[in-house]
N, C-alpha and C. Protein backbone atom coordinates (compact mmCIF):
# COMPACT_ATOMS: atom_id res chain seq x y z
N MET A 1 13.05 -10.11 -12.91
CA MET A 1 13.31 -9.84 -11.09
C MET A 1 12.87 -8.42 -10.89
N SER A 2 12.09 -8.23 -9.81
CA SER A 2 11.38 -6.95 -9.52
C SER A 2 12.64 -6.37 -8.71
N LEU A 3 12.38 -4.86 -8.88
CA LEU A 3 13.15 -4.19 -7.73
C LEU A 3 12.76 -4.37 -6.30
N VAL A 4 13.48 -4.19 -5.56
CA VAL A 4 13.11 -4.25 -4.05
C VAL A 4 13.59 -3.03 -3.35
N TRP A 5 12.96 -2.46 -2.37
CA TRP A 5 13.47 -1.56 -1.55
C TRP A 5 14.66 -1.81 -0.45
N ARG A 6 15.42 -1.10 -0.49
CA ARG A 6 16.59 -1.49 0.34
C ARG A 6 16.71 -0.48 1.51
N ALA A 7 17.23 -0.88 2.68
CA ALA A 7 17.49 0.49 3.53
C ALA A 7 18.32 1.59 2.93
N GLN A 8 19.34 0.69 2.30
CA GLN A 8 20.75 1.86 1.88
C GLN A 8 19.97 2.85 1.03
N LEU A 9 18.81 2.72 0.44
CA LEU A 9 18.17 3.97 -0.45
C LEU A 9 17.47 4.68 0.47
N SER A 10 17.27 4.70 1.62
CA SER A 10 16.66 5.77 2.39
C SER A 10 17.51 6.72 2.51
N VAL A 11 16.86 8.30 2.24
CA VAL A 11 17.54 9.62 2.55
C VAL A 11 17.17 9.99 3.90
N GLY A 12 16.32 9.57 4.55
CA GLY A 12 16.34 9.56 6.01
C GLY A 12 15.14 10.50 6.12
N ASN A 13 13.99 10.52 5.04
CA ASN A 13 12.96 11.48 5.29
C ASN A 13 11.44 10.47 4.73
N ASN A 14 10.94 10.36 5.65
CA ASN A 14 9.67 9.42 5.38
C ASN A 14 8.96 9.52 3.90
N ILE A 15 8.56 10.77 3.75
CA ILE A 15 7.69 11.23 2.70
C ILE A 15 8.75 10.76 1.09
N ILE A 16 9.89 11.26 1.22
CA ILE A 16 10.47 10.81 0.37
C ILE A 16 10.91 9.44 0.01
N ASP A 17 11.19 9.08 0.98
CA ASP A 17 11.24 7.15 0.90
C ASP A 17 10.17 6.83 0.36
N SER A 18 8.87 7.28 1.06
CA SER A 18 7.65 6.31 0.62
C SER A 18 7.41 6.72 -0.96
N ASP A 19 7.92 7.85 -1.45
CA ASP A 19 7.73 7.90 -2.75
C ASP A 19 8.56 7.12 -3.66
N HIS A 20 9.94 7.15 -3.12
CA HIS A 20 10.74 6.13 -3.86
C HIS A 20 10.14 4.73 -3.69
N LYS A 21 9.81 4.35 -2.69
CA LYS A 21 9.21 3.08 -2.49
C LYS A 21 7.94 2.53 -3.83
N TYR A 22 7.05 3.73 -3.68
CA TYR A 22 6.16 3.95 -4.60
C TYR A 22 6.59 3.68 -5.67
N LEU A 23 7.26 4.41 -6.31
CA LEU A 23 8.01 4.54 -7.71
C LEU A 23 8.66 3.14 -7.97
N ILE A 24 9.10 2.37 -7.31
CA ILE A 24 9.70 1.14 -7.46
C ILE A 24 8.62 0.23 -7.75
N GLU A 25 7.32 0.37 -7.16
CA GLU A 25 6.39 -0.23 -7.41
C GLU A 25 5.79 -0.25 -8.83
N ILE A 26 5.76 1.11 -9.10
CA ILE A 26 5.32 1.48 -10.31
C ILE A 26 6.04 0.73 -11.54
N ILE A 27 7.39 1.02 -11.27
CA ILE A 27 8.59 0.26 -12.26
C ILE A 27 8.43 -1.23 -12.49
N ASN A 28 7.90 -1.56 -11.31
CA ASN A 28 7.77 -3.27 -11.08
C ASN A 28 6.79 -3.47 -12.40
N LYS A 29 5.57 -2.74 -12.34
CA LYS A 29 4.27 -2.84 -12.72
C LYS A 29 4.61 -2.66 -14.15
N VAL A 30 5.52 -1.69 -14.81
CA VAL A 30 6.06 -1.58 -15.89
C VAL A 30 6.82 -2.88 -16.84
N GLU A 31 7.53 -3.41 -15.76
CA GLU A 31 8.22 -4.63 -16.28
C GLU A 31 7.40 -5.67 -16.21
N GLN A 32 6.37 -5.80 -15.45
CA GLN A 32 5.23 -7.03 -15.59
C GLN A 32 4.66 -6.81 -16.88
N ALA A 33 4.31 -5.56 -17.16
CA ALA A 33 3.58 -5.24 -18.39
C ALA A 33 4.41 -5.64 -19.85
N LEU A 34 5.52 -5.33 -19.76
CA LEU A 34 6.66 -5.75 -20.72
C LEU A 34 7.13 -7.06 -20.85
N VAL A 35 6.93 -7.69 -20.10
CA VAL A 35 7.17 -9.08 -19.85
C VAL A 35 5.92 -10.00 -20.37
N LYS A 36 4.59 -9.49 -20.36
CA LYS A 36 3.42 -10.03 -20.75
C LYS A 36 3.20 -9.39 -22.14
N ARG A 37 4.08 -8.52 -22.37
CA ARG A 37 3.68 -7.89 -23.75
C ARG A 37 1.97 -7.46 -23.94
N ASN A 38 1.85 -6.85 -22.72
CA ASN A 38 0.42 -6.41 -22.89
C ASN A 38 0.55 -4.66 -22.57
N ARG A 39 0.19 -4.37 -24.03
CA ARG A 39 0.41 -2.87 -24.49
C ARG A 39 -0.69 -2.15 -23.57
N ASN A 40 -1.81 -2.45 -23.10
CA ASN A 40 -2.36 -1.56 -22.56
C ASN A 40 -2.42 -1.29 -21.04
N GLU A 41 -1.72 -2.33 -20.18
CA GLU A 41 -1.01 -2.15 -19.22
C GLU A 41 0.18 -1.63 -18.84
N LEU A 42 0.73 -1.60 -20.24
CA LEU A 42 2.30 -0.96 -20.28
C LEU A 42 2.01 0.66 -20.41
N SER A 43 0.80 0.74 -21.10
CA SER A 43 0.66 2.34 -21.34
C SER A 43 0.20 2.86 -20.17
N ALA A 44 -0.84 2.26 -19.38
CA ALA A 44 -1.25 2.44 -18.34
C ALA A 44 -0.24 3.00 -17.06
N ALA A 45 0.76 1.97 -17.04
CA ALA A 45 1.80 1.72 -15.78
C ALA A 45 2.94 2.91 -16.43
N LEU A 46 3.18 3.31 -17.67
CA LEU A 46 4.04 4.03 -18.08
C LEU A 46 3.28 5.59 -17.82
N ASP A 47 2.05 5.87 -18.19
CA ASP A 47 1.28 7.03 -17.58
C ASP A 47 1.46 7.44 -16.15
N SER A 48 1.21 6.21 -15.18
CA SER A 48 1.39 6.38 -13.83
C SER A 48 2.75 6.53 -13.47
N LEU A 49 3.64 6.18 -14.04
CA LEU A 49 5.16 6.53 -13.44
C LEU A 49 5.62 7.95 -13.93
N THR A 50 4.85 8.57 -15.23
CA THR A 50 5.32 9.94 -15.57
C THR A 50 4.52 10.90 -14.47
N GLN A 51 3.30 10.74 -14.46
CA GLN A 51 2.57 11.39 -13.48
C GLN A 51 3.33 11.31 -12.04
N TYR A 52 3.24 10.15 -11.28
CA TYR A 52 3.96 10.25 -9.92
C TYR A 52 5.13 10.62 -10.13
N SER A 53 6.23 10.70 -11.02
CA SER A 53 7.41 11.39 -10.89
C SER A 53 7.55 12.79 -10.85
N ARG A 54 6.66 13.02 -11.71
CA ARG A 54 6.24 14.88 -11.57
C ARG A 54 6.06 15.03 -10.11
N VAL A 55 4.93 14.46 -9.43
CA VAL A 55 4.71 14.85 -8.35
C VAL A 55 5.55 14.72 -7.20
N HIS A 56 6.12 13.66 -7.54
CA HIS A 56 7.51 13.32 -6.34
C HIS A 56 8.46 14.31 -6.47
N PHE A 57 9.18 14.46 -8.09
CA PHE A 57 10.12 15.17 -7.92
C PHE A 57 9.70 16.95 -7.45
N ASP A 58 8.53 17.48 -7.43
CA ASP A 58 8.21 18.43 -6.70
C ASP A 58 8.24 18.53 -5.36
N ARG A 59 7.89 17.62 -4.96
CA ARG A 59 7.58 17.16 -3.41
C ARG A 59 9.03 17.07 -2.89
N GLU A 60 9.58 16.51 -3.46
CA GLU A 60 11.30 16.39 -3.03
C GLU A 60 12.17 17.93 -3.35
N GLU A 61 11.87 18.45 -4.19
CA GLU A 61 12.47 19.75 -4.59
C GLU A 61 11.74 20.81 -3.00
N LYS A 62 10.61 20.46 -2.94
CA LYS A 62 10.15 21.44 -1.77
C LYS A 62 10.93 21.17 -0.34
N ILE A 63 10.55 19.90 -0.24
CA ILE A 63 11.43 19.31 1.00
C ILE A 63 13.05 19.97 0.88
N ALA A 64 13.65 19.52 0.09
CA ALA A 64 15.50 20.03 -0.23
C ALA A 64 15.20 21.71 0.13
N ALA A 65 14.61 22.36 -0.53
CA ALA A 65 14.50 23.84 -0.49
C ALA A 65 13.99 24.43 1.42
N ALA A 66 13.26 23.52 1.79
CA ALA A 66 12.93 23.79 3.30
C ALA A 66 14.18 23.70 4.19
N VAL A 67 14.78 22.71 3.64
CA VAL A 67 15.99 22.39 4.65
C VAL A 67 17.24 22.68 4.14
N LYS A 68 17.08 23.61 3.37
CA LYS A 68 18.01 24.50 2.73
C LYS A 68 19.51 23.84 2.21
N TYR A 69 18.79 22.90 1.36
CA TYR A 69 19.90 22.11 0.75
C TYR A 69 20.35 23.00 -0.40
N THR A 70 21.89 23.05 -0.72
CA THR A 70 22.35 23.85 -1.40
C THR A 70 22.23 23.39 -3.03
N GLN A 71 21.87 22.37 -3.05
CA GLN A 71 21.85 21.77 -4.54
C GLN A 71 20.72 21.65 -5.11
N VAL A 72 19.45 22.47 -4.65
CA VAL A 72 18.23 22.38 -5.23
C VAL A 72 18.21 22.54 -6.67
N PRO A 73 18.74 23.61 -7.28
CA PRO A 73 18.74 24.08 -8.76
C PRO A 73 19.17 22.71 -9.47
N HIS A 74 20.56 21.89 -9.03
CA HIS A 74 21.05 20.75 -9.54
C HIS A 74 20.02 19.97 -9.59
N LEU A 75 19.56 19.56 -8.54
CA LEU A 75 18.39 18.66 -8.29
C LEU A 75 17.12 18.87 -9.37
N ASN A 76 16.62 20.16 -9.36
CA ASN A 76 15.87 20.28 -10.49
C ASN A 76 16.14 20.24 -11.96
N GLN A 77 17.24 20.26 -12.01
CA GLN A 77 17.87 19.92 -13.54
C GLN A 77 18.24 18.58 -13.81
N SER A 78 18.20 17.97 -12.83
CA SER A 78 18.41 16.61 -12.63
C SER A 78 17.18 15.77 -12.96
N HIS A 79 16.14 16.24 -12.20
CA HIS A 79 14.61 15.68 -12.29
C HIS A 79 14.20 16.22 -13.79
N GLN A 80 14.39 17.45 -14.52
CA GLN A 80 13.90 17.59 -15.94
C GLN A 80 14.44 16.64 -16.71
N GLU A 81 15.93 16.17 -16.50
CA GLU A 81 16.46 15.46 -17.47
C GLU A 81 15.98 13.76 -17.41
N LEU A 82 15.71 13.43 -16.01
CA LEU A 82 14.99 12.22 -15.93
C LEU A 82 13.44 12.29 -16.45
N LEU A 83 12.85 13.15 -16.50
CA LEU A 83 11.54 13.20 -16.92
C LEU A 83 11.70 13.43 -18.85
N LYS A 84 12.77 13.67 -19.18
CA LYS A 84 12.89 14.06 -20.53
C LYS A 84 13.44 12.66 -21.17
N GLN A 85 14.21 11.84 -20.23
CA GLN A 85 14.42 10.44 -20.48
C GLN A 85 13.40 9.41 -20.55
N LEU A 86 12.42 9.56 -19.82
CA LEU A 86 11.47 8.80 -19.26
C LEU A 86 10.57 8.99 -20.89
N ASP A 87 10.51 10.40 -21.12
CA ASP A 87 9.73 10.66 -22.33
C ASP A 87 10.30 10.03 -23.55
N GLN A 88 11.47 9.84 -23.76
CA GLN A 88 12.30 9.26 -24.90
C GLN A 88 11.92 8.11 -25.04
N MET A 89 11.99 7.24 -23.73
CA MET A 89 11.66 5.62 -23.70
C MET A 89 10.24 5.48 -24.25
N LYS A 90 9.24 6.24 -23.42
CA LYS A 90 7.83 6.12 -24.04
C LYS A 90 7.86 6.10 -25.29
N GLY A 91 8.34 7.28 -25.96
CA GLY A 91 8.35 7.37 -27.44
C GLY A 91 8.64 6.01 -28.51
N GLU A 92 10.03 5.37 -27.66
CA GLU A 92 10.75 4.25 -28.29
C GLU A 92 9.80 2.99 -28.16
N ILE A 93 9.06 2.62 -26.99
CA ILE A 93 8.02 1.91 -26.75
C ILE A 93 6.77 2.06 -27.63
N ALA A 94 6.43 3.22 -28.05
CA ALA A 94 5.40 3.40 -28.70
C ALA A 94 5.78 3.10 -30.05
N ALA A 95 6.92 3.16 -30.65
CA ALA A 95 7.35 2.97 -31.92
C ALA A 95 7.52 1.37 -32.29
N MET A 96 7.51 0.78 -31.18
CA MET A 96 7.71 -0.63 -31.42
C MET A 96 6.37 -1.30 -31.81
N GLY A 97 6.39 -2.30 -32.68
CA GLY A 97 5.11 -2.76 -33.17
C GLY A 97 4.58 -3.66 -31.89
N PRO A 98 3.53 -4.23 -32.40
CA PRO A 98 2.64 -4.82 -31.19
C PRO A 98 3.24 -5.93 -30.36
N ASP A 99 4.18 -6.72 -31.17
CA ASP A 99 5.06 -7.80 -30.37
C ASP A 99 6.41 -7.24 -30.31
N TRP A 100 7.21 -7.40 -28.75
CA TRP A 100 8.78 -6.89 -29.06
C TRP A 100 9.33 -8.19 -28.34
N SER A 101 10.43 -7.98 -28.73
CA SER A 101 11.67 -9.10 -28.33
C SER A 101 12.08 -9.02 -26.93
N ALA A 102 12.18 -10.39 -26.38
CA ALA A 102 12.77 -10.15 -25.27
C ALA A 102 14.19 -9.27 -24.78
N GLU A 103 14.76 -8.93 -25.86
CA GLU A 103 15.77 -8.02 -25.67
C GLU A 103 15.33 -6.77 -25.34
N ALA A 104 14.26 -6.14 -26.16
CA ALA A 104 13.81 -5.20 -26.09
C ALA A 104 13.16 -4.79 -24.38
N THR A 105 12.36 -5.94 -24.05
CA THR A 105 12.05 -6.05 -22.48
C THR A 105 13.47 -5.89 -21.59
N GLU A 106 14.29 -6.58 -21.72
CA GLU A 106 15.39 -6.02 -20.94
C GLU A 106 15.94 -5.02 -20.99
N HIS A 107 15.83 -4.47 -22.36
CA HIS A 107 16.63 -2.97 -22.38
C HIS A 107 15.67 -1.92 -21.46
N PHE A 108 14.47 -2.07 -21.71
CA PHE A 108 13.75 -1.02 -21.25
C PHE A 108 13.38 -1.44 -19.55
N THR A 109 13.39 -2.42 -19.36
CA THR A 109 13.25 -2.62 -17.80
C THR A 109 14.80 -2.37 -17.10
N GLY A 110 16.06 -2.52 -17.53
CA GLY A 110 17.15 -2.22 -17.40
C GLY A 110 17.35 -0.72 -17.15
N PHE A 111 16.73 -0.17 -18.36
CA PHE A 111 16.89 1.40 -18.32
C PHE A 111 16.08 2.18 -16.95
N LEU A 112 14.95 1.55 -16.70
CA LEU A 112 13.98 2.22 -15.81
C LEU A 112 14.84 1.84 -14.42
N ARG A 113 15.33 0.80 -14.26
CA ARG A 113 15.79 0.37 -12.75
C ARG A 113 17.30 1.40 -12.75
N ASP A 114 18.02 1.50 -13.71
CA ASP A 114 19.17 2.31 -13.53
C ASP A 114 18.35 3.77 -13.24
N TRP A 115 17.45 4.03 -14.07
CA TRP A 115 16.80 5.61 -14.38
C TRP A 115 16.50 6.02 -12.75
N LEU A 116 16.09 4.84 -12.08
CA LEU A 116 15.95 5.39 -10.63
C LEU A 116 16.81 5.45 -9.50
N ILE A 117 17.40 3.96 -9.56
CA ILE A 117 18.32 3.60 -8.54
C ILE A 117 19.52 4.58 -8.61
N ASN A 118 20.01 4.99 -9.99
CA ASN A 118 21.08 5.45 -10.11
C ASN A 118 20.80 7.07 -9.58
N HIS A 119 19.42 7.52 -9.82
CA HIS A 119 19.13 8.83 -9.41
C HIS A 119 19.24 9.01 -7.85
N VAL A 120 18.45 7.93 -7.13
CA VAL A 120 18.48 7.93 -5.51
C VAL A 120 19.64 7.82 -5.30
N ILE A 121 20.74 7.22 -5.77
CA ILE A 121 22.12 6.84 -5.00
C ILE A 121 23.18 7.97 -5.59
N LYS A 122 22.67 8.58 -6.83
CA LYS A 122 23.83 9.72 -7.01
C LYS A 122 23.21 11.12 -6.78
N GLU A 123 22.16 11.24 -6.70
CA GLU A 123 21.63 12.63 -6.65
C GLU A 123 21.10 12.71 -4.87
N ASP A 124 19.77 11.85 -4.77
CA ASP A 124 19.02 12.05 -3.44
C ASP A 124 19.87 11.49 -2.35
N LEU A 125 20.54 10.58 -2.38
CA LEU A 125 21.41 10.46 -1.02
C LEU A 125 22.36 11.50 -0.49
N LEU A 126 22.51 12.31 -1.59
CA LEU A 126 23.73 13.44 -1.20
C LEU A 126 22.88 14.49 -0.42
N MET A 127 21.56 14.45 -0.20
CA MET A 127 20.65 14.99 0.55
C MET A 127 20.52 14.73 2.15
N LYS A 128 20.82 13.36 2.51
CA LYS A 128 20.93 12.60 3.47
C LYS A 128 21.13 13.56 4.82
N PRO A 129 22.43 13.75 4.64
CA PRO A 129 23.09 14.73 5.68
C PRO A 129 22.45 15.91 6.16
N VAL A 130 21.74 16.44 5.07
CA VAL A 130 21.40 17.57 5.77
C VAL A 130 19.81 17.02 6.20
N LEU A 131 19.11 16.29 5.44
CA LEU A 131 17.74 15.62 5.93
C LEU A 131 17.62 15.05 7.35
N GLN A 132 18.88 14.38 7.80
CA GLN A 132 19.16 13.60 9.11
C GLN A 132 19.18 14.61 10.39
N LYS A 133 19.40 16.26 10.00
CA LYS A 133 19.13 17.24 11.07
C LYS A 133 17.73 17.33 11.34
N TYR A 134 16.88 16.99 10.61
CA TYR A 134 15.46 16.81 10.74
C TYR A 134 14.58 15.60 11.27
N SER A 135 13.53 15.66 11.51
CA SER A 135 12.90 14.48 11.92
C SER A 135 12.53 13.66 10.36
N PRO A 136 12.56 12.63 10.62
CA PRO A 136 12.17 11.95 9.46
C PRO A 136 10.80 12.08 8.88
N THR A 137 10.21 12.70 9.76
CA THR A 137 8.48 12.95 9.52
C THR A 137 8.37 14.62 9.11
N PHE A 138 9.60 15.28 8.80
CA PHE A 138 9.54 16.30 8.48
C PHE A 138 8.86 16.81 7.13
N ASP A 139 7.82 17.54 7.30
CA ASP A 139 6.82 17.96 6.04
C ASP A 139 6.98 19.40 6.06
N PRO A 140 7.27 20.21 5.28
CA PRO A 140 7.21 21.54 5.13
C PRO A 140 5.88 22.28 4.38
N ARG A 141 5.21 21.03 3.83
CA ARG A 141 3.91 21.65 3.18
C ARG A 141 3.03 22.23 4.38
């Protein structure tokens, strides 16, 4: 079952929310590739997830700093840990043989869902009260 964006995940900034929606799309592509056991699609989707996560984390931290969110250092630390976890997962997937079990698919899709959703709920939503003092279209770039 694919991840679906829900309004409860909104942090109140269109840029960050749009990034989160796109990350959900990429995670859904990873899940589809895992289910199909398509190593090429999986590799491309994981590379896309890594690249876009880096862009998103940088953008999110810049917005957080611009609105004077006091937890930017913690947010940066959390983002670095998330990237490390993603790299570890990619290593585990690379170590799998050409075929993998349904349990492995469940493990990795569950990990990615938790990876994103837990971060949004436990970290990003803490910014919402600060972000709501600004227009949803606020973009400090």
